[in-house]
């Protein structure tokens, strides 16, 4: 029996809405939460069985045509565990981007490669935006939302829109800055660039 994680409770919360299969759970998470909680399909498929092992969910084998289908539902113990999870402090946010990692390491490579990586990042953000919009129609069909849920989704969508806009604008400015750098840095460039870095860090504090 695997330990319970944040992913476990996300699956449990979806089961609190309605009984469903591991496949539908996986599709719902990948459609509505993939940008804030990226998980592999293999991991998501395992979570309902793990919840059953912990006594937080139960499974019923149903027939869909000629095929058997495992449908999971939350137990009373599961509802209590879910309520307790909602009162806990969430894990800190994690941001991951290979293009941003390349900015950290770019001084060991070529500037033109960094500029190309940033341009690719902007296209990736645009693709994610289109993908998210396309996925909502099917998601609403499987999960008719309540007024409260729609209000929550509006907050989440605003986060995504603002985050994608910020990331795209940052990338464009970064490409322009890298392209405008001198072929050779001046002797006092280390001192000046250090001051610029300190000014940015002070803005956060």
C-alpha atoms as a PDB file:
ATOM      1  CA  UNK A   1       0.000   0.000   0.000  1.00  0.00           C
ATOM      2  CA  UNK A   2       1.534   3.298  -1.131  1.00  0.00           C
ATOM      3  CA  UNK A   3       1.464   6.372   1.094  1.00  0.00           C
ATOM      4  CA  UNK A   4      -1.118   9.060   0.469  1.00  0.00           C
ATOM      5  CA  UNK A   5       0.058  12.148  -1.424  1.00  0.00           C
ATOM      6  CA  UNK A   6      -1.477  15.363  -2.679  1.00  0.00           C
ATOM      7  CA  UNK A   7      -2.388  13.493  -5.844  1.00  0.00           C
ATOM      8  CA  UNK A   8      -4.281  10.942  -3.770  1.00  0.00           C
ATOM      9  CA  UNK A   9      -6.459  13.651  -2.275  1.00  0.00           C
ATOM     10  CA  UNK A  10      -7.096  15.259  -5.654  1.00  0.00           C
ATOM     11  CA  UNK A  11      -8.449  11.924  -6.899  1.00  0.00           C
ATOM     12  CA  UNK A  12     -10.449  11.593  -3.682  1.00  0.00           C
ATOM     13  CA  UNK A  13     -11.979  15.044  -4.220  1.00  0.00           C
ATOM     14  CA  UNK A  14     -13.084  14.044  -7.723  1.00  0.00           C
ATOM     15  CA  UNK A  15     -14.665  10.901  -6.320  1.00  0.00           C
ATOM     16  CA  UNK A  16     -16.525  13.090  -3.831  1.00  0.00           C
ATOM     17  CA  UNK A  17     -18.286  14.684  -6.809  1.00  0.00           C
ATOM     18  CA  UNK A  18     -19.364  11.447  -8.417  1.00  0.00           C
ATOM     19  CA  UNK A  19     -18.385   7.756  -8.749  1.00  0.00           C
ATOM     20  CA  UNK A  20     -16.211   7.243 -11.800  1.00  0.00           C
ATOM     21  CA  UNK A  21     -13.580   5.069 -13.464  1.00  0.00           C
ATOM     22  CA  UNK A  22      -9.797   5.423 -13.308  1.00  0.00           C
ATOM     23  CA  UNK A  23      -9.815   6.379 -16.990  1.00  0.00           C
ATOM     24  CA  UNK A  24     -12.304   9.229 -16.515  1.00  0.00           C
ATOM     25  CA  UNK A  25     -10.443  10.430 -13.423  1.00  0.00           C
ATOM     26  CA  UNK A  26      -7.223  10.579 -15.403  1.00  0.00           C
ATOM     27  CA  UNK A  27      -8.875  12.495 -18.248  1.00  0.00           C
ATOM     28  CA  UNK A  28     -10.461  14.980 -15.851  1.00  0.00           C
ATOM     29  CA  UNK A  29      -7.156  15.711 -14.102  1.00  0.00           C
ATOM     30  CA  UNK A  30      -5.215  16.066 -17.334  1.00  0.00           C
ATOM     31  CA  UNK A  31      -7.874  18.397 -18.745  1.00  0.00           C
ATOM     32  CA  UNK A  32      -8.438  20.687 -15.781  1.00  0.00           C
ATOM     33  CA  UNK A  33      -5.273  20.439 -13.670  1.00  0.00           C
ATOM     34  CA  UNK A  34      -2.356  19.435 -15.882  1.00  0.00           C
ATOM     35  CA  UNK A  35      -0.790  22.918 -15.710  1.00  0.00           C
ATOM     36  CA  UNK A  36      -0.772  23.103 -11.916  1.00  0.00           C
ATOM     37  CA  UNK A  37      -0.355  19.386 -11.184  1.00  0.00           C
ATOM     38  CA  UNK A  38       1.400  17.513 -14.019  1.00  0.00           C
ATOM     39  CA  UNK A  39       1.251  13.767 -13.376  1.00  0.00           C
ATOM     40  CA  UNK A  40       1.794  10.726 -15.561  1.00  0.00           C
ATOM     41  CA  UNK A  41      -1.219   8.691 -16.628  1.00  0.00           C
ATOM     42  CA  UNK A  42       0.353   5.607 -15.028  1.00  0.00           C
ATOM     43  CA  UNK A  43       0.493   7.308 -11.626  1.00  0.00           C
ATOM     44  CA  UNK A  44      -3.072   8.596 -11.893  1.00  0.00           C
ATOM     45  CA  UNK A  45      -4.415   5.173 -12.862  1.00  0.00           C
ATOM     46  CA  UNK A  46      -2.908   3.671  -9.688  1.00  0.00           C
ATOM     47  CA  UNK A  47      -4.376   6.198  -7.266  1.00  0.00           C
ATOM     48  CA  UNK A  48      -7.971   4.838  -7.071  1.00  0.00           C
ATOM     49  CA  UNK A  49      -6.681   1.376  -6.095  1.00  0.00           C
ATOM     50  CA  UNK A  50      -4.434   2.977  -3.478  1.00  0.00           C
ATOM     51  CA  UNK A  51      -7.425   4.823  -2.028  1.00  0.00           C
ATOM     52  CA  UNK A  52      -9.341   1.535  -1.840  1.00  0.00           C
ATOM     53  CA  UNK A  53      -6.408  -0.062   0.008  1.00  0.00           C
ATOM     54  CA  UNK A  54      -6.541   2.777   2.539  1.00  0.00           C
ATOM     55  CA  UNK A  55     -10.298   2.370   2.978  1.00  0.00           C
ATOM     56  CA  UNK A  56     -10.995   5.823   1.550  1.00  0.00           C
ATOM     57  CA  UNK A  57     -12.711   4.558  -1.605  1.00  0.00           C
ATOM     58  CA  UNK A  58     -14.519   1.452  -2.750  1.00  0.00           C
ATOM     59  CA  UNK A  59     -14.795  -0.172  -6.141  1.00  0.00           C
ATOM     60  CA  UNK A  60     -17.705  -1.758  -7.983  1.00  0.00           C
ATOM     61  CA  UNK A  61     -17.314  -3.773 -11.160  1.00  0.00           C
ATOM     62  CA  UNK A  62     -19.939  -2.736 -13.701  1.00  0.00           C
ATOM     63  CA  UNK A  63     -20.637  -3.934 -17.211  1.00  0.00           C
ATOM     64  CA  UNK A  64     -20.291  -1.450 -20.066  1.00  0.00           C
ATOM     65  CA  UNK A  65     -21.539  -3.359 -23.069  1.00  0.00           C
ATOM     66  CA  UNK A  66     -19.529  -6.564 -22.989  1.00  0.00           C
ATOM     67  CA  UNK A  67     -16.641  -5.076 -21.065  1.00  0.00           C
ATOM     68  CA  UNK A  68     -16.151  -4.889 -17.326  1.00  0.00           C
ATOM     69  CA  UNK A  69     -15.550  -1.447 -15.869  1.00  0.00           C
ATOM     70  CA  UNK A  70     -14.227  -0.634 -12.389  1.00  0.00           C
ATOM     71  CA  UNK A  71     -16.138   2.307 -10.918  1.00  0.00           C
ATOM     72  CA  UNK A  72     -14.744   3.938  -7.782  1.00  0.00           C
ATOM     73  CA  UNK A  73     -16.652   5.899  -5.151  1.00  0.00           C
ATOM     74  CA  UNK A  74     -15.653   7.671  -1.943  1.00  0.00           C
ATOM     75  CA  UNK A  75     -16.341   6.133   1.466  1.00  0.00           C
ATOM     76  CA  UNK A  76     -17.352   7.952   4.647  1.00  0.00           C
ATOM     77  CA  UNK A  77     -13.765   7.579   5.864  1.00  0.00           C
ATOM     78  CA  UNK A  78     -12.681   9.108   2.581  1.00  0.00           C
ATOM     79  CA  UNK A  79     -14.912  12.142   3.111  1.00  0.00           C
ATOM     80  CA  UNK A  80     -13.468  12.644   6.583  1.00  0.00           C
ATOM     81  CA  UNK A  81      -9.907  12.349   5.253  1.00  0.00           C
ATOM     82  CA  UNK A  82     -10.693  14.779   2.430  1.00  0.00           C
ATOM     83  CA  UNK A  83     -12.170  17.317   4.867  1.00  0.00           C
ATOM     84  CA  UNK A  84      -9.018  17.065   6.991  1.00  0.00           C
ATOM     85  CA  UNK A  85      -6.788  17.533   3.927  1.00  0.00           C
ATOM     86  CA  UNK A  86      -8.550  20.770   3.012  1.00  0.00           C
ATOM     87  CA  UNK A  87      -7.565  22.218   6.408  1.00  0.00           C
ATOM     88  CA  UNK A  88      -3.849  21.446   5.942  1.00  0.00           C
ATOM     89  CA  UNK A  89      -1.265  23.903   4.599  1.00  0.00           C
ATOM     90  CA  UNK A  90      -0.692  23.096   0.903  1.00  0.00           C
ATOM     91  CA  UNK A  91       2.707  22.161  -0.455  1.00  0.00           C
ATOM     92  CA  UNK A  92       4.747  25.091  -1.862  1.00  0.00           C
ATOM     93  CA  UNK A  93       4.353  25.819  -5.598  1.00  0.00           C
ATOM     94  CA  UNK A  94       6.808  24.362  -8.084  1.00  0.00           C
ATOM     95  CA  UNK A  95       7.635  25.922 -11.437  1.00  0.00           C
ATOM     96  CA  UNK A  96       9.411  23.861 -14.082  1.00  0.00           C
ATOM     97  CA  UNK A  97      10.615  24.925 -17.527  1.00  0.00           C
ATOM     98  CA  UNK A  98      13.595  23.609 -19.450  1.00  0.00           C
ATOM     99  CA  UNK A  99      13.826  26.889 -21.362  1.00  0.00           C
ATOM    100  CA  UNK A 100      14.203  28.784 -18.079  1.00  0.00           C
ATOM    101  CA  UNK A 101      16.842  26.290 -16.911  1.00  0.00           C
ATOM    102  CA  UNK A 102      18.770  27.063 -20.095  1.00  0.00           C
ATOM    103  CA  UNK A 103      18.818  30.740 -19.095  1.00  0.00           C
ATOM    104  CA  UNK A 104      20.641  29.708 -15.910  1.00  0.00           C
ATOM    105  CA  UNK A 105      23.189  27.721 -17.941  1.00  0.00           C
ATOM    106  CA  UNK A 106      23.287  29.887 -21.068  1.00  0.00           C
ATOM    107  CA  UNK A 107      26.710  31.415 -20.364  1.00  0.00           C
ATOM    108  CA  UNK A 108      28.247  28.028 -21.228  1.00  0.00           C
ATOM    109  CA  UNK A 109      26.531  27.945 -24.644  1.00  0.00           C
ATOM    110  CA  UNK A 110      25.713  30.229 -27.561  1.00  0.00           C
ATOM    111  CA  UNK A 111      23.428  33.236 -27.390  1.00  0.00           C
ATOM    112  CA  UNK A 112      21.599  32.299 -30.569  1.00  0.00           C
ATOM    113  CA  UNK A 113      20.664  28.938 -29.049  1.00  0.00           C
ATOM    114  CA  UNK A 114      19.244  30.669 -25.974  1.00  0.00           C
ATOM    115  CA  UNK A 115      17.205  33.017 -28.162  1.00  0.00           C
ATOM    116  CA  UNK A 116      15.830  30.019 -30.086  1.00  0.00           C
ATOM    117  CA  UNK A 117      14.932  28.249 -26.838  1.00  0.00           C
ATOM    118  CA  UNK A 118      13.033  31.300 -25.608  1.00  0.00           C
ATOM    119  CA  UNK A 119      11.163  31.577 -28.906  1.00  0.00           C
ATOM    120  CA  UNK A 120      10.216  27.908 -28.544  1.00  0.00           C
ATOM    121  CA  UNK A 121       8.956  28.641 -25.031  1.00  0.00           C
ATOM    122  CA  UNK A 122       6.600  31.288 -26.375  1.00  0.00           C
ATOM    123  CA  UNK A 123       5.191  28.856 -28.923  1.00  0.00           C
ATOM    124  CA  UNK A 124       4.804  26.198 -26.229  1.00  0.00           C
ATOM    125  CA  UNK A 125       2.815  28.629 -24.087  1.00  0.00           C
ATOM    126  CA  UNK A 126       0.557  29.428 -27.048  1.00  0.00           C
ATOM    127  CA  UNK A 127       0.037  25.700 -27.666  1.00  0.00           C
ATOM    128  CA  UNK A 128      -0.832  25.114 -24.000  1.00  0.00           C
ATOM    129  CA  UNK A 129      -3.375  27.920 -24.146  1.00  0.00           C
ATOM    130  CA  UNK A 130      -5.075  26.447 -27.215  1.00  0.00           C
ATOM    131  CA  UNK A 131      -5.016  22.967 -25.685  1.00  0.00           C
ATOM    132  CA  UNK A 132      -6.605  24.142 -22.443  1.00  0.00           C
ATOM    133  CA  UNK A 133      -9.399  25.920 -24.281  1.00  0.00           C
ATOM    134  CA  UNK A 134     -10.099  22.891 -26.472  1.00  0.00           C
ATOM    135  CA  UNK A 135     -10.233  20.526 -23.506  1.00  0.00           C
ATOM    136  CA  UNK A 136     -12.855  22.433 -21.547  1.00  0.00           C
ATOM    137  CA  UNK A 137     -15.767  21.458 -23.791  1.00  0.00           C
ATOM    138  CA  UNK A 138     -15.312  17.742 -23.180  1.00  0.00           C
ATOM    139  CA  UNK A 139     -14.627  18.304 -19.499  1.00  0.00           C
ATOM    140  CA  UNK A 140     -17.897  20.204 -18.983  1.00  0.00           C
ATOM    141  CA  UNK A 141     -19.735  17.359 -20.667  1.00  0.00           C
ATOM    142  CA  UNK A 142     -18.398  14.872 -18.111  1.00  0.00           C
ATOM    143  CA  UNK A 143     -18.643  17.237 -15.138  1.00  0.00           C
ATOM    144  CA  UNK A 144     -21.691  19.529 -15.189  1.00  0.00           C
ATOM    145  CA  UNK A 145     -20.441  22.369 -12.935  1.00  0.00           C
ATOM    146  CA  UNK A 146     -22.200  24.072 -10.065  1.00  0.00           C
ATOM    147  CA  UNK A 147     -22.191  27.865  -9.665  1.00  0.00           C
ATOM    148  CA  UNK A 148     -19.513  27.562  -6.948  1.00  0.00           C
ATOM    149  CA  UNK A 149     -17.352  25.376  -9.162  1.00  0.00           C
ATOM    150  CA  UNK A 150     -17.674  27.781 -12.096  1.00  0.00           C
ATOM    151  CA  UNK A 151     -16.560  30.641  -9.846  1.00  0.00           C
ATOM    152  CA  UNK A 152     -13.526  28.574  -8.788  1.00  0.00           C
ATOM    153  CA  UNK A 153     -12.717  27.712 -12.410  1.00  0.00           C
ATOM    154  CA  UNK A 154     -12.864  31.400 -13.294  1.00  0.00           C
ATOM    155  CA  UNK A 155     -10.227  32.123 -10.637  1.00  0.00           C
ATOM    156  CA  UNK A 156      -8.050  29.290 -11.954  1.00  0.00           C
ATOM    157  CA  UNK A 157      -8.439  30.445 -15.555  1.00  0.00           C
ATOM    158  CA  UNK A 158      -7.417  33.981 -14.576  1.00  0.00           C
ATOM    159  CA  UNK A 159      -4.254  32.556 -13.004  1.00  0.00           C
ATOM    160  CA  UNK A 160      -3.432  30.647 -16.194  1.00  0.00           C
ATOM    161  CA  UNK A 161      -4.149  33.630 -18.447  1.00  0.00           C
ATOM    162  CA  UNK A 162      -2.026  35.977 -16.324  1.00  0.00           C
ATOM    163  CA  UNK A 163       0.764  33.436 -15.904  1.00  0.00           C
ATOM    164  CA  UNK A 164       0.953  32.645 -19.620  1.00  0.00           C
ATOM    165  CA  UNK A 165       0.905  36.354 -20.514  1.00  0.00           C
ATOM    166  CA  UNK A 166       3.665  37.072 -17.997  1.00  0.00           C
ATOM    167  CA  UNK A 167       5.803  34.183 -19.208  1.00  0.00           C
ATOM    168  CA  UNK A 168       5.367  35.170 -22.851  1.00  0.00           C
ATOM    169  CA  UNK A 169       6.188  38.834 -22.215  1.00  0.00           C
ATOM    170  CA  UNK A 170       9.211  37.916 -20.085  1.00  0.00           C
ATOM    171  CA  UNK A 171      10.505  35.609 -22.813  1.00  0.00           C
ATOM    172  CA  UNK A 172      10.128  38.273 -25.506  1.00  0.00           C
ATOM    173  CA  UNK A 173      11.972  40.859 -23.410  1.00  0.00           C
ATOM    174  CA  UNK A 174      14.663  38.300 -22.580  1.00  0.00           C
ATOM    175  CA  UNK A 175      15.234  37.554 -26.281  1.00  0.00           C
ATOM    176  CA  UNK A 176      15.538  41.250 -27.018  1.00  0.00           C
ATOM    177  CA  UNK A 177      17.987  41.758 -24.164  1.00  0.00           C
ATOM    178  CA  UNK A 178      20.168  38.808 -25.167  1.00  0.00           C
ATOM    179  CA  UNK A 179      20.189  39.922 -28.821  1.00  0.00           C
ATOM    180  CA  UNK A 180      21.240  43.447 -27.790  1.00  0.00           C
ATOM    181  CA  UNK A 181      24.216  42.341 -25.671  1.00  0.00           C
ATOM    182  CA  UNK A 182      27.659  43.434 -26.845  1.00  0.00           C
ATOM    183  CA  UNK A 183      29.923  40.947 -28.543  1.00  0.00           C
ATOM    184  CA  UNK A 184      32.455  41.595 -25.766  1.00  0.00           C
ATOM    185  CA  UNK A 185      31.562  42.815 -22.298  1.00  0.00           C
ATOM    186  CA  UNK A 186      33.259  46.003 -21.019  1.00  0.00           C
ATOM    187  CA  UNK A 187      35.673  45.825 -18.094  1.00  0.00           C
ATOM    188  CA  UNK A 188      33.106  47.214 -15.647  1.00  0.00           C
ATOM    189  CA  UNK A 189      30.296  44.914 -16.876  1.00  0.00           C
ATOM    190  CA  UNK A 190      30.531  42.539 -13.910  1.00  0.00           C
ATOM    191  CA  UNK A 191      30.024  45.389 -11.454  1.00  0.00           C
ATOM    192  CA  UNK A 192      27.145  46.921 -13.456  1.00  0.00           C
ATOM    193  CA  UNK A 193      25.397  43.612 -14.013  1.00  0.00           C
ATOM    194  CA  UNK A 194      25.730  42.784 -10.329  1.00  0.00           C
ATOM    195  CA  UNK A 195      24.020  46.058  -9.445  1.00  0.00           C
ATOM    196  CA  UNK A 196      21.230  45.281 -11.912  1.00  0.00           C
ATOM    197  CA  UNK A 197      20.780  41.828 -10.359  1.00  0.00           C
ATOM    198  CA  UNK A 198      20.633  43.284  -6.859  1.00  0.00           C
ATOM    199  CA  UNK A 199      17.984  45.793  -7.947  1.00  0.00           C
ATOM    200  CA  UNK A 200      15.785  43.012  -9.277  1.00  0.00           C
ATOM    201  CA  UNK A 201      16.210  40.970  -6.100  1.00  0.00           C
ATOM    202  CA  UNK A 202      15.325  43.986  -3.960  1.00  0.00           C
ATOM    203  CA  UNK A 203      11.996  44.280  -5.810  1.00  0.00           C
ATOM    204  CA  UNK A 204      11.031  40.892  -4.363  1.00  0.00           C
ATOM    205  CA  UNK A 205      11.843  41.816  -0.832  1.00  0.00           C
END
